[in-house]
Amino acid sequence: MRTSKKFTSVLLTLLTLVLLSGAALAAEPGLVYPPTSEASDQKAGSVLFYNFYTSGATSGNTQNTRVNITNTSSTSAAFVHLFFVAENCGVADSFICLTANQTASFLASDIDPGVSGYIVAVASDGVFGCPTAFNFLIGDEYVKLTTGHHANLGAVAFAALYNRNLPGCDGNSTTAELRFNGVVGDGYNRAPRALALSNFASRANGNDTLLIINRVGGNLATGAATLGTLFGLLYDDAENVKSFSITGSCQLRGSLSNTFPRIVPRLETFIPEGRSGWLKVWSQSDIGLLGAAINFNPNRENQEGAFSGGHNLHHLTLSANAAYVIPIFPPSC
């Protein structure tokens, strides 16, 4: 019996997905989380993106980040290449190695004191340092700032859609490109293109909402890519809308106020006391974005409607063009 090329292609794709799904998770009840599901802070992956880290220059008591990473595989060790991307786009890196079922934590003040930015963690092979398909990494972070903002943010996970090492990377490679294109056999899950903050409360009620937006992309051997100018729409709770534009470097960070973003009338007039709003933002260029929001209200302990905390921004649409170039060298652990 002859097998059609189309049938063979479908069969190979299904086989690849089975391999990517990870037999080591079969001991857990339920179905394996599909590796082709888009990037999320609720799944495991081979690349983790921590939206914000910071620490004080002289003391981590009032401003610091505790970064947590866990290897959920019950059979295999993990070699993880960490990239610390500062808000000015400078990059520092290190490795962390985890045995099967191991979890580890570190403080930003011990690793990269006095710097704020985001972290990219890439599963790598233990010989050459090439990116590898290891969809068993999960993580999160606890962040606190001197302003009073604090939150627990889950790491956004991107699953590898290829098997074993990244195609094209070997012992002769000095760099490798991580393509967030959603292509099975070639890259990783797609990155978000449009983000949304689902709700923020009025500043007149004591709320200070810190908005964080990161560019996904660039060369982590020389410097991460910048955001450029972003376009956004801001709505009040009666469906009125204002447009705005904001410009940022690798990371854009600011408290929602009369000066950020600039709208007419100003934000505190548009979202008065007792009211709330929401916003969405994207680039006119096809680039990947990730972000988070952290609200602080000093009245949280004595007012029933006052709350503090944070979460990652919602992903509204996707980009298939985001990519990182990373340096390749053997793990140091």
C-alpha atoms as a PDB file:
ATOM      1  CA  MET A   1       0.000   0.000   0.000  1.00  0.00           C
ATOM      2  CA  ARG A   2       1.395   3.413  -0.966  1.00  0.00           C
ATOM      3  CA  THR A   3       1.365   6.228   1.580  1.00  0.00           C
ATOM      4  CA  SER A   4       0.608   9.752   0.365  1.00  0.00           C
ATOM      5  CA  LYS A   5       3.080  12.570   1.064  1.00  0.00           C
ATOM      6  CA  LYS A   6       0.328  14.490   2.842  1.00  0.00           C
ATOM      7  CA  PHE A   7      -0.403  11.565   5.182  1.00  0.00           C
ATOM      8  CA  THR A   8       3.307  11.095   5.880  1.00  0.00           C
ATOM      9  CA  SER A   9       3.677  14.801   6.711  1.00  0.00           C
ATOM     10  CA  VAL A  10       0.743  14.689   9.133  1.00  0.00           C
ATOM     11  CA  LEU A  11       2.130  11.533  10.754  1.00  0.00           C
ATOM     12  CA  LEU A  12       5.562  13.132  11.261  1.00  0.00           C
ATOM     13  CA  THR A  13       3.961  16.237  12.781  1.00  0.00           C
ATOM     14  CA  LEU A  14       1.953  14.138  15.225  1.00  0.00           C
ATOM     15  CA  LEU A  15       5.059  12.123  16.136  1.00  0.00           C
ATOM     16  CA  THR A  16       6.977  15.332  16.775  1.00  0.00           C
ATOM     17  CA  LEU A  17       4.230  16.606  19.079  1.00  0.00           C
ATOM     18  CA  VAL A  18       4.260  13.321  20.997  1.00  0.00           C
ATOM     19  CA  LEU A  19       8.024  13.616  21.489  1.00  0.00           C
ATOM     20  CA  LEU A  20       7.703  17.245  22.555  1.00  0.00           C
ATOM     21  CA  SER A  21       4.912  16.509  25.016  1.00  0.00           C
ATOM     22  CA  GLY A  22       7.386  14.809  27.371  1.00  0.00           C
ATOM     23  CA  ALA A  23       6.829  11.231  28.480  1.00  0.00           C
ATOM     24  CA  ALA A  24       8.307  12.121  31.882  1.00  0.00           C
ATOM     25  CA  LEU A  25       5.046  13.881  32.732  1.00  0.00           C
ATOM     26  CA  ALA A  26       2.991  10.737  32.174  1.00  0.00           C
ATOM     27  CA  ALA A  27       3.013   9.983  35.910  1.00  0.00           C
ATOM     28  CA  GLU A  28       0.755  12.982  36.563  1.00  0.00           C
ATOM     29  CA  PRO A  29      -3.012  12.541  36.119  1.00  0.00           C
ATOM     30  CA  GLY A  30      -4.773  14.157  33.190  1.00  0.00           C
ATOM     31  CA  LEU A  31      -3.717  15.013  29.673  1.00  0.00           C
ATOM     32  CA  VAL A  32      -0.276  16.394  28.796  1.00  0.00           C
ATOM     33  CA  TYR A  33      -0.354  20.160  28.285  1.00  0.00           C
ATOM     34  CA  PRO A  34       0.020  20.615  24.493  1.00  0.00           C
ATOM     35  CA  PRO A  35       3.392  22.207  23.636  1.00  0.00           C
ATOM     36  CA  THR A  36       1.703  24.046  20.757  1.00  0.00           C
ATOM     37  CA  SER A  37      -0.508  25.992  23.195  1.00  0.00           C
ATOM     38  CA  GLU A  38       0.604  29.621  23.102  1.00  0.00           C
ATOM     39  CA  ALA A  39       2.931  31.220  25.649  1.00  0.00           C
ATOM     40  CA  SER A  40       1.473  31.466  29.141  1.00  0.00           C
ATOM     41  CA  ASP A  41       2.434  31.796  32.800  1.00  0.00           C
ATOM     42  CA  GLN A  42       0.334  28.676  33.472  1.00  0.00           C
ATOM     43  CA  LYS A  43       2.394  26.037  31.686  1.00  0.00           C
ATOM     44  CA  ALA A  44       5.913  24.623  31.463  1.00  0.00           C
ATOM     45  CA  GLY A  45       8.331  25.474  28.675  1.00  0.00           C
ATOM     46  CA  SER A  46      11.904  25.615  27.407  1.00  0.00           C
ATOM     47  CA  VAL A  47      12.179  29.427  27.606  1.00  0.00           C
ATOM     48  CA  LEU A  48      10.946  31.409  30.607  1.00  0.00           C
ATOM     49  CA  PHE A  49      10.391  35.165  30.550  1.00  0.00           C
ATOM     50  CA  TYR A  50      10.350  37.033  33.874  1.00  0.00           C
ATOM     51  CA  ASN A  51       8.687  40.379  33.214  1.00  0.00           C
ATOM     52  CA  PHE A  52      10.420  42.457  35.899  1.00  0.00           C
ATOM     53  CA  TYR A  53      13.284  42.206  38.338  1.00  0.00           C
ATOM     54  CA  THR A  54      14.890  44.869  40.494  1.00  0.00           C
ATOM     55  CA  SER A  55      16.985  45.386  43.607  1.00  0.00           C
ATOM     56  CA  GLY A  56      18.369  48.270  45.620  1.00  0.00           C
ATOM     57  CA  ALA A  57      21.864  49.485  44.836  1.00  0.00           C
ATOM     58  CA  THR A  58      23.016  49.276  48.467  1.00  0.00           C
ATOM     59  CA  SER A  59      20.332  47.227  50.221  1.00  0.00           C
ATOM     60  CA  GLY A  60      17.767  44.687  49.153  1.00  0.00           C
ATOM     61  CA  ASN A  61      15.603  45.091  52.232  1.00  0.00           C
ATOM     62  CA  THR A  62      13.026  47.422  50.684  1.00  0.00           C
ATOM     63  CA  GLN A  63      13.589  46.788  46.953  1.00  0.00           C
ATOM     64  CA  ASN A  64      14.398  43.318  45.717  1.00  0.00           C
ATOM     65  CA  THR A  65      13.263  40.324  43.672  1.00  0.00           C
ATOM     66  CA  ARG A  66      13.260  36.644  44.577  1.00  0.00           C
ATOM     67  CA  VAL A  67      13.462  34.633  41.357  1.00  0.00           C
ATOM     68  CA  ASN A  68      12.274  31.016  41.447  1.00  0.00           C
ATOM     69  CA  ILE A  69      12.804  28.318  38.816  1.00  0.00           C
ATOM     70  CA  THR A  70      11.774  24.661  38.916  1.00  0.00           C
ATOM     71  CA  ASN A  71      12.624  21.602  36.847  1.00  0.00           C
ATOM     72  CA  THR A  72       9.434  19.494  36.722  1.00  0.00           C
ATOM     73  CA  SER A  73      11.096  16.582  34.929  1.00  0.00           C
ATOM     74  CA  SER A  74      11.400  13.499  37.128  1.00  0.00           C
ATOM     75  CA  THR A  75      14.184  11.982  35.019  1.00  0.00           C
ATOM     76  CA  SER A  76      16.418  14.661  33.488  1.00  0.00           C
ATOM     77  CA  ALA A  77      18.635  17.497  34.696  1.00  0.00           C
ATOM     78  CA  ALA A  78      18.211  21.035  33.344  1.00  0.00           C
ATOM     79  CA  PHE A  79      20.956  23.413  32.196  1.00  0.00           C
ATOM     80  CA  VAL A  80      19.495  26.908  32.062  1.00  0.00           C
ATOM     81  CA  HIS A  81      21.157  29.960  30.499  1.00  0.00           C
ATOM     82  CA  LEU A  82      19.958  33.114  32.291  1.00  0.00           C
ATOM     83  CA  PHE A  83      20.040  36.511  30.586  1.00  0.00           C
ATOM     84  CA  PHE A  84      19.559  39.621  32.724  1.00  0.00           C
ATOM     85  CA  VAL A  85      18.397  42.418  30.407  1.00  0.00           C
ATOM     86  CA  ALA A  86      18.665  45.868  31.990  1.00  0.00           C
ATOM     87  CA  GLU A  87      16.180  48.605  31.113  1.00  0.00           C
ATOM     88  CA  ASN A  88      18.992  50.328  29.151  1.00  0.00           C
ATOM     89  CA  CYS A  89      19.322  47.133  27.007  1.00  0.00           C
ATOM     90  CA  GLY A  90      22.640  45.973  28.469  1.00  0.00           C
ATOM     91  CA  VAL A  91      22.802  42.196  29.025  1.00  0.00           C
ATOM     92  CA  ALA A  92      24.558  40.036  31.624  1.00  0.00           C
ATOM     93  CA  ASP A  93      24.300  36.255  31.785  1.00  0.00           C
ATOM     94  CA  SER A  94      24.956  33.199  33.937  1.00  0.00           C
ATOM     95  CA  PHE A  95      23.976  29.527  34.133  1.00  0.00           C
ATOM     96  CA  ILE A  96      21.911  27.664  36.702  1.00  0.00           C
ATOM     97  CA  CYS A  97      21.739  23.875  36.705  1.00  0.00           C
ATOM     98  CA  LEU A  98      18.920  21.848  38.241  1.00  0.00           C
ATOM     99  CA  THR A  99      18.706  18.138  38.929  1.00  0.00           C
ATOM    100  CA  ALA A 100      15.468  16.274  38.230  1.00  0.00           C
ATOM    101  CA  ASN A 101      12.582  17.620  40.363  1.00  0.00           C
ATOM    102  CA  GLN A 102      14.774  20.410  41.765  1.00  0.00           C
ATOM    103  CA  THR A 103      13.648  23.955  42.526  1.00  0.00           C
ATOM    104  CA  ALA A 104      15.992  26.883  43.156  1.00  0.00           C
ATOM    105  CA  SER A 105      15.707  30.534  44.171  1.00  0.00           C
ATOM    106  CA  PHE A 106      18.032  33.513  44.167  1.00  0.00           C
ATOM    107  CA  LEU A 107      17.821  37.191  45.067  1.00  0.00           C
ATOM    108  CA  ALA A 108      18.436  39.861  42.442  1.00  0.00           C
ATOM    109  CA  SER A 109      20.484  41.754  45.043  1.00  0.00           C
ATOM    110  CA  ASP A 110      22.944  38.841  45.155  1.00  0.00           C
ATOM    111  CA  ILE A 111      23.219  38.428  41.377  1.00  0.00           C
ATOM    112  CA  ASP A 112      22.656  41.830  39.743  1.00  0.00           C
ATOM    113  CA  PRO A 113      22.346  44.528  42.464  1.00  0.00           C
ATOM    114  CA  GLY A 114      21.104  47.991  41.628  1.00  0.00           C
ATOM    115  CA  VAL A 115      19.671  47.005  38.240  1.00  0.00           C
ATOM    116  CA  SER A 116      16.082  46.765  36.963  1.00  0.00           C
ATOM    117  CA  GLY A 117      14.909  44.958  33.842  1.00  0.00           C
ATOM    118  CA  TYR A 118      13.682  41.522  32.776  1.00  0.00           C
ATOM    119  CA  ILE A 119      15.095  37.980  32.692  1.00  0.00           C
ATOM    120  CA  VAL A 120      15.118  35.373  29.917  1.00  0.00           C
ATOM    121  CA  ALA A 121      15.875  31.761  30.928  1.00  0.00           C
ATOM    122  CA  VAL A 122      16.771  29.352  28.102  1.00  0.00           C
ATOM    123  CA  ALA A 123      16.980  25.567  28.493  1.00  0.00           C
ATOM    124  CA  SER A 124      20.328  24.459  27.008  1.00  0.00           C
ATOM    125  CA  ASP A 125      22.146  21.202  26.436  1.00  0.00           C
ATOM    126  CA  GLY A 126      24.862  20.320  28.923  1.00  0.00           C
ATOM    127  CA  VAL A 127      27.663  19.913  26.363  1.00  0.00           C
ATOM    128  CA  PHE A 128      27.681  22.789  23.868  1.00  0.00           C
ATOM    129  CA  GLY A 129      25.165  25.153  25.457  1.00  0.00           C
ATOM    130  CA  CYS A 130      22.813  24.970  22.460  1.00  0.00           C
ATOM    131  CA  PRO A 131      19.118  25.720  23.100  1.00  0.00           C
ATOM    132  CA  THR A 132      17.310  22.450  23.655  1.00  0.00           C
ATOM    133  CA  ALA A 133      13.745  21.177  23.784  1.00  0.00           C
ATOM    134  CA  PHE A 134      13.101  20.782  27.494  1.00  0.00           C
ATOM    135  CA  ASN A 135       9.491  21.712  28.142  1.00  0.00           C
ATOM    136  CA  PHE A 136       9.693  21.118  31.883  1.00  0.00           C
ATOM    137  CA  LEU A 137      10.657  24.543  33.255  1.00  0.00           C
ATOM    138  CA  ILE A 138       8.292  26.635  35.351  1.00  0.00           C
ATOM    139  CA  GLY A 139       9.016  29.722  37.425  1.00  0.00           C
ATOM    140  CA  ASP A 140       7.792  32.823  39.184  1.00  0.00           C
ATOM    141  CA  GLU A 141       9.116  35.830  41.070  1.00  0.00           C
ATOM    142  CA  TYR A 142       8.316  37.939  44.105  1.00  0.00           C
ATOM    143  CA  VAL A 143       8.979  41.632  43.563  1.00  0.00           C
ATOM    144  CA  LYS A 144       8.976  44.511  46.059  1.00  0.00           C
ATOM    145  CA  LEU A 145       9.837  48.178  45.516  1.00  0.00           C
ATOM    146  CA  THR A 146      10.554  51.066  47.861  1.00  0.00           C
ATOM    147  CA  THR A 147       7.392  52.728  46.512  1.00  0.00           C
ATOM    148  CA  GLY A 148       5.315  50.013  48.199  1.00  0.00           C
ATOM    149  CA  HIS A 149       4.512  48.097  45.013  1.00  0.00           C
ATOM    150  CA  HIS A 150       4.781  44.324  45.436  1.00  0.00           C
ATOM    151  CA  ALA A 151       3.565  41.290  43.528  1.00  0.00           C
ATOM    152  CA  ASN A 152       4.082  37.637  42.686  1.00  0.00           C
ATOM    153  CA  LEU A 153       4.437  37.313  38.905  1.00  0.00           C
ATOM    154  CA  GLY A 154       4.497  33.994  37.081  1.00  0.00           C
ATOM    155  CA  ALA A 155       7.199  33.434  34.466  1.00  0.00           C
ATOM    156  CA  VAL A 156       5.751  33.329  30.939  1.00  0.00           C
ATOM    157  CA  ALA A 157       6.726  29.975  29.383  1.00  0.00           C
ATOM    158  CA  PHE A 158       7.456  29.332  25.703  1.00  0.00           C
ATOM    159  CA  ALA A 159       7.538  25.666  24.693  1.00  0.00           C
ATOM    160  CA  ALA A 160      10.083  24.402  22.173  1.00  0.00           C
ATOM    161  CA  LEU A 161       8.394  22.982  19.063  1.00  0.00           C
ATOM    162  CA  TYR A 162      11.395  20.991  17.852  1.00  0.00           C
ATOM    163  CA  ASN A 163      13.014  17.823  19.196  1.00  0.00           C
ATOM    164  CA  ARG A 164      16.368  17.646  21.011  1.00  0.00           C
ATOM    165  CA  ASN A 165      18.720  20.579  20.193  1.00  0.00           C
ATOM    166  CA  LEU A 166      17.694  23.648  18.207  1.00  0.00           C
ATOM    167  CA  PRO A 167      18.161  22.869  14.493  1.00  0.00           C
ATOM    168  CA  GLY A 168      21.405  24.315  13.162  1.00  0.00           C
ATOM    169  CA  CYS A 169      23.140  24.606  16.538  1.00  0.00           C
ATOM    170  CA  ASP A 170      26.134  22.375  17.256  1.00  0.00           C
ATOM    171  CA  GLY A 171      29.638  22.398  18.717  1.00  0.00           C
ATOM    172  CA  ASN A 172      30.824  24.873  16.066  1.00  0.00           C
ATOM    173  CA  SER A 173      28.111  27.445  16.770  1.00  0.00           C
ATOM    174  CA  THR A 174      28.891  30.728  18.504  1.00  0.00           C
ATOM    175  CA  THR A 175      25.327  32.063  18.371  1.00  0.00           C
ATOM    176  CA  ALA A 176      21.837  30.638  17.920  1.00  0.00           C
ATOM    177  CA  GLU A 177      18.511  32.241  17.023  1.00  0.00           C
ATOM    178  CA  LEU A 178      15.433  31.518  19.101  1.00  0.00           C
ATOM    179  CA  ARG A 179      12.488  32.020  16.745  1.00  0.00           C
ATOM    180  CA  PHE A 180       9.106  32.575  18.395  1.00  0.00           C
ATOM    181  CA  ASN A 181       7.246  31.695  15.213  1.00  0.00           C
ATOM    182  CA  GLY A 182       4.962  28.829  16.241  1.00  0.00           C
ATOM    183  CA  VAL A 183       6.495  26.535  13.596  1.00  0.00           C
ATOM    184  CA  VAL A 184       6.712  22.860  14.600  1.00  0.00           C
ATOM    185  CA  GLY A 185      10.224  21.524  14.058  1.00  0.00           C
ATOM    186  CA  ASP A 186      11.826  24.965  13.991  1.00  0.00           C
ATOM    187  CA  GLY A 187      11.011  27.339  16.831  1.00  0.00           C
ATOM    188  CA  TYR A 188       8.979  28.184  19.914  1.00  0.00           C
ATOM    189  CA  ASN A 189       5.466  29.400  20.692  1.00  0.00           C
ATOM    190  CA  ARG A 190       4.590  32.801  19.257  1.00  0.00           C
ATOM    191  CA  ALA A 191       5.045  35.961  21.342  1.00  0.00           C
ATOM    192  CA  PRO A 192       2.184  38.370  22.029  1.00  0.00           C
ATOM    193  CA  ARG A 193       1.867  41.415  19.771  1.00  0.00           C
ATOM    194  CA  ALA A 194      -1.000  43.310  21.504  1.00  0.00           C
ATOM    195  CA  LEU A 195      -1.267  43.472  25.302  1.00  0.00           C
ATOM    196  CA  ALA A 196      -4.085  44.537  27.605  1.00  0.00           C
ATOM    197  CA  LEU A 197      -4.416  45.701  31.197  1.00  0.00           C
ATOM    198  CA  SER A 198      -7.908  44.461  32.005  1.00  0.00           C
ATOM    199  CA  ASN A 199      -8.691  46.971  34.767  1.00  0.00           C
ATOM    200  CA  PHE A 200      -7.105  49.728  36.795  1.00  0.00           C
ATOM    201  CA  ALA A 201      -8.737  51.862  39.489  1.00  0.00           C
ATOM    202  CA  SER A 202      -8.691  55.647  39.834  1.00  0.00           C
ATOM    203  CA  ARG A 203      -5.668  57.386  41.337  1.00  0.00           C
ATOM    204  CA  ALA A 204      -8.127  59.537  43.280  1.00  0.00           C
ATOM    205  CA  ASN A 205      -8.821  56.496  45.463  1.00  0.00           C
ATOM    206  CA  GLY A 206      -5.154  56.087  46.360  1.00  0.00           C
ATOM    207  CA  ASN A 207      -4.197  53.680  43.578  1.00  0.00           C
ATOM    208  CA  ASP A 208      -0.759  53.797  41.950  1.00  0.00           C
ATOM    209  CA  THR A 209      -0.691  51.332  39.031  1.00  0.00           C
ATOM    210  CA  LEU A 210       2.788  50.587  37.711  1.00  0.00           C
ATOM    211  CA  LEU A 211       2.736  49.525  34.048  1.00  0.00           C
ATOM    212  CA  ILE A 212       5.659  47.458  32.690  1.00  0.00           C
ATOM    213  CA  ILE A 213       6.096  46.635  28.980  1.00  0.00           C
ATOM    214  CA  ASN A 214       9.015  44.662  27.521  1.00  0.00           C
ATOM    215  CA  ARG A 215      10.237  44.089  23.964  1.00  0.00           C
ATOM    216  CA  VAL A 216      10.753  40.433  23.072  1.00  0.00           C
ATOM    217  CA  GLY A 217      13.697  40.318  20.686  1.00  0.00           C
ATOM    218  CA  GLY A 218      17.224  41.423  19.913  1.00  0.00           C
ATOM    219  CA  ASN A 219      20.749  40.091  20.238  1.00  0.00           C
ATOM    220  CA  LEU A 220      21.507  39.062  23.809  1.00  0.00           C
ATOM    221  CA  ALA A 221      25.209  38.927  22.971  1.00  0.00           C
ATOM    222  CA  THR A 222      25.331  42.647  22.136  1.00  0.00           C
ATOM    223  CA  GLY A 223      22.108  44.258  23.400  1.00  0.00           C
ATOM    224  CA  ALA A 224      18.384  43.626  23.395  1.00  0.00           C
ATOM    225  CA  ALA A 225      15.996  45.320  20.941  1.00  0.00           C
ATOM    226  CA  THR A 226      14.009  48.411  21.926  1.00  0.00           C
ATOM    227  CA  LEU A 227      10.280  49.039  21.982  1.00  0.00           C
ATOM    228  CA  GLY A 228      10.257  52.235  19.959  1.00  0.00           C
ATOM    229  CA  THR A 229       6.896  54.017  19.912  1.00  0.00           C
ATOM    230  CA  LEU A 230       3.793  52.096  20.962  1.00  0.00           C
ATOM    231  CA  PHE A 231       0.186  53.005  20.236  1.00  0.00           C
ATOM    232  CA  GLY A 232      -2.586  52.426  22.738  1.00  0.00           C
ATOM    233  CA  LEU A 233      -6.263  52.857  23.492  1.00  0.00           C
ATOM    234  CA  LEU A 234      -7.489  53.708  26.992  1.00  0.00           C
ATOM    235  CA  TYR A 235     -11.140  53.158  27.954  1.00  0.00           C
ATOM    236  CA  ASP A 236     -13.154  54.273  30.965  1.00  0.00           C
ATOM    237  CA  ASP A 237     -15.842  52.035  32.488  1.00  0.00           C
ATOM    238  CA  ALA A 238     -18.519  53.740  30.383  1.00  0.00           C
ATOM    239  CA  GLU A 239     -16.820  52.684  27.116  1.00  0.00           C
ATOM    240  CA  ASN A 240     -15.400  56.127  26.286  1.00  0.00           C
ATOM    241  CA  VAL A 241     -11.993  55.854  24.638  1.00  0.00           C
ATOM    242  CA  LYS A 242      -8.834  57.938  24.237  1.00  0.00           C
ATOM    243  CA  SER A 243      -5.740  57.111  22.191  1.00  0.00           C
ATOM    244  CA  PHE A 244      -2.130  57.620  23.259  1.00  0.00           C
ATOM    245  CA  SER A 245       1.444  56.888  22.265  1.00  0.00           C
ATOM    246  CA  ILE A 246       4.376  56.007  24.506  1.00  0.00           C
ATOM    247  CA  THR A 247       8.043  55.422  23.713  1.00  0.00           C
ATOM    248  CA  GLY A 248      10.391  53.075  25.503  1.00  0.00           C
ATOM    249  CA  SER A 249      13.721  51.307  25.434  1.00  0.00           C
ATOM    250  CA  CYS A 250      13.992  47.553  26.113  1.00  0.00           C
ATOM    251  CA  GLN A 251      11.674  48.008  29.073  1.00  0.00           C
ATOM    252  CA  LEU A 252       9.070  50.734  29.547  1.00  0.00           C
ATOM    253  CA  ARG A 253       7.977  51.343  33.117  1.00  0.00           C
ATOM    254  CA  GLY A 254       5.780  54.057  34.598  1.00  0.00           C
ATOM    255  CA  SER A 255       2.847  54.727  36.925  1.00  0.00           C
ATOM    256  CA  LEU A 256      -0.469  55.546  35.261  1.00  0.00           C
ATOM    257  CA  SER A 257      -0.961  59.253  35.930  1.00  0.00           C
ATOM    258  CA  ASN A 258      -1.688  62.631  34.350  1.00  0.00           C
ATOM    259  CA  THR A 259       1.689  62.461  32.593  1.00  0.00           C
ATOM    260  CA  PHE A 260       1.758  58.751  31.640  1.00  0.00           C
ATOM    261  CA  PRO A 261       0.215  58.129  29.243  1.00  0.00           C
ATOM    262  CA  ARG A 262      -0.618  61.587  27.936  1.00  0.00           C
ATOM    263  CA  ILE A 263      -4.308  61.828  27.014  1.00  0.00           C
ATOM    264  CA  VAL A 264      -6.795  64.689  26.674  1.00  0.00           C
ATOM    265  CA  PRO A 265      -8.397  65.254  29.113  1.00  0.00           C
ATOM    266  CA  ARG A 266      -5.777  64.047  31.575  1.00  0.00           C
ATOM    267  CA  LEU A 267      -6.089  60.589  33.139  1.00  0.00           C
ATOM    268  CA  GLU A 268      -7.282  61.729  36.562  1.00  0.00           C
ATOM    269  CA  THR A 269     -10.085  63.673  34.892  1.00  0.00           C
ATOM    270  CA  PHE A 270     -10.970  60.861  32.498  1.00  0.00           C
ATOM    271  CA  ILE A 271     -10.949  58.222  35.288  1.00  0.00           C
ATOM    272  CA  PRO A 272     -12.277  60.187  38.307  1.00  0.00           C
ATOM    273  CA  GLU A 273     -12.787  59.023  41.894  1.00  0.00           C
ATOM    274  CA  GLY A 274     -14.685  55.773  42.221  1.00  0.00           C
ATOM    275  CA  ARG A 275     -14.269  54.848  38.557  1.00  0.00           C
ATOM    276  CA  SER A 276     -11.986  52.472  36.670  1.00  0.00           C
ATOM    277  CA  GLY A 277     -10.615  51.878  33.186  1.00  0.00           C
ATOM    278  CA  TRP A 278      -8.632  49.507  31.010  1.00  0.00           C
ATOM    279  CA  LEU A 279      -6.145  49.812  28.168  1.00  0.00           C
ATOM    280  CA  LYS A 280      -4.539  47.933  25.308  1.00  0.00           C
ATOM    281  CA  VAL A 281      -1.252  48.637  23.572  1.00  0.00           C
ATOM    282  CA  TRP A 282       0.757  47.449  20.569  1.00  0.00           C
ATOM    283  CA  SER A 283       3.363  48.561  18.050  1.00  0.00           C
ATOM    284  CA  GLN A 284       2.596  49.509  14.465  1.00  0.00           C
ATOM    285  CA  SER A 285       5.606  47.311  13.639  1.00  0.00           C
ATOM    286  CA  ASP A 286       5.195  43.546  14.022  1.00  0.00           C
ATOM    287  CA  ILE A 287       7.154  42.998  17.239  1.00  0.00           C
ATOM    288  CA  GLY A 288       6.701  40.809  20.306  1.00  0.00           C
ATOM    289  CA  LEU A 289       5.658  42.348  23.638  1.00  0.00           C
ATOM    290  CA  LEU A 290       5.249  41.121  27.202  1.00  0.00           C
ATOM    291  CA  GLY A 291       4.403  43.016  30.341  1.00  0.00           C
ATOM    292  CA  ALA A 292       2.898  43.264  33.808  1.00  0.00           C
ATOM    293  CA  ALA A 293       0.997  45.674  36.040  1.00  0.00           C
ATOM    294  CA  ILE A 294       1.463  46.163  39.804  1.00  0.00           C
ATOM    295  CA  ASN A 295      -0.942  48.273  41.848  1.00  0.00           C
ATOM    296  CA  PHE A 296      -0.175  49.811  45.249  1.00  0.00           C
ATOM    297  CA  ASN A 297      -2.786  51.364  47.505  1.00  0.00           C
ATOM    298  CA  PRO A 298      -1.603  52.536  50.949  1.00  0.00           C
ATOM    299  CA  ASN A 299      -5.180  52.281  52.247  1.00  0.00           C
ATOM    300  CA  ARG A 300      -5.439  48.533  51.620  1.00  0.00           C
ATOM    301  CA  GLU A 301      -5.509  47.671  55.325  1.00  0.00           C
ATOM    302  CA  ASN A 302      -8.268  50.095  56.360  1.00  0.00           C
ATOM    303  CA  GLN A 303     -10.495  50.454  53.287  1.00  0.00           C
ATOM    304  CA  GLU A 304     -12.559  47.555  52.000  1.00  0.00           C
ATOM    305  CA  GLY A 305     -12.199  48.590  48.343  1.00  0.00           C
ATOM    306  CA  ALA A 306      -8.433  49.165  48.460  1.00  0.00           C
ATOM    307  CA  PHE A 307      -6.108  46.437  47.164  1.00  0.00           C
ATOM    308  CA  SER A 308      -2.470  45.951  46.238  1.00  0.00           C
ATOM    309  CA  GLY A 309      -0.917  43.322  43.970  1.00  0.00           C
ATOM    310  CA  GLY A 310      -0.037  42.586  40.386  1.00  0.00           C
ATOM    311  CA  HIS A 311      -0.249  40.237  37.412  1.00  0.00           C
ATOM    312  CA  ASN A 312       1.079  39.779  33.906  1.00  0.00           C
ATOM    313  CA  LEU A 313      -0.675  41.647  31.114  1.00  0.00           C
ATOM    314  CA  HIS A 314      -3.180  39.775  28.959  1.00  0.00           C
ATOM    315  CA  HIS A 315      -2.158  38.610  25.473  1.00  0.00           C
ATOM    316  CA  LEU A 316      -4.674  39.776  22.847  1.00  0.00           C
ATOM    317  CA  THR A 317      -2.938  38.971  19.544  1.00  0.00           C
ATOM    318  CA  LEU A 318       0.227  37.195  18.427  1.00  0.00           C
ATOM    319  CA  SER A 319       3.375  37.922  16.436  1.00  0.00           C
ATOM    320  CA  ALA A 320       5.351  35.296  14.526  1.00  0.00           C
ATOM    321  CA  ASN A 321       8.357  37.595  13.996  1.00  0.00           C
ATOM    322  CA  ALA A 322       9.900  37.869  17.469  1.00  0.00           C
ATOM    323  CA  ALA A 323      13.362  36.322  17.875  1.00  0.00           C
ATOM    324  CA  TYR A 324      16.398  36.394  20.159  1.00  0.00           C
ATOM    325  CA  VAL A 325      19.989  35.749  19.126  1.00  0.00           C
ATOM    326  CA  ILE A 326      21.936  34.296  22.041  1.00  0.00           C
ATOM    327  CA  PRO A 327      25.631  33.466  22.506  1.00  0.00           C
ATOM    328  CA  ILE A 328      26.527  29.764  22.629  1.00  0.00           C
ATOM    329  CA  PHE A 329      29.135  28.294  24.979  1.00  0.00           C
ATOM    330  CA  PRO A 330      29.194  25.303  27.356  1.00  0.00           C
ATOM    331  CA  PRO A 331      27.426  25.620  30.726  1.00  0.00           C
ATOM    332  CA  SER A 332      29.671  26.524  33.631  1.00  0.00           C
ATOM    333  CA  CYS A 333      27.965  24.181  36.082  1.00  0.00           C
END
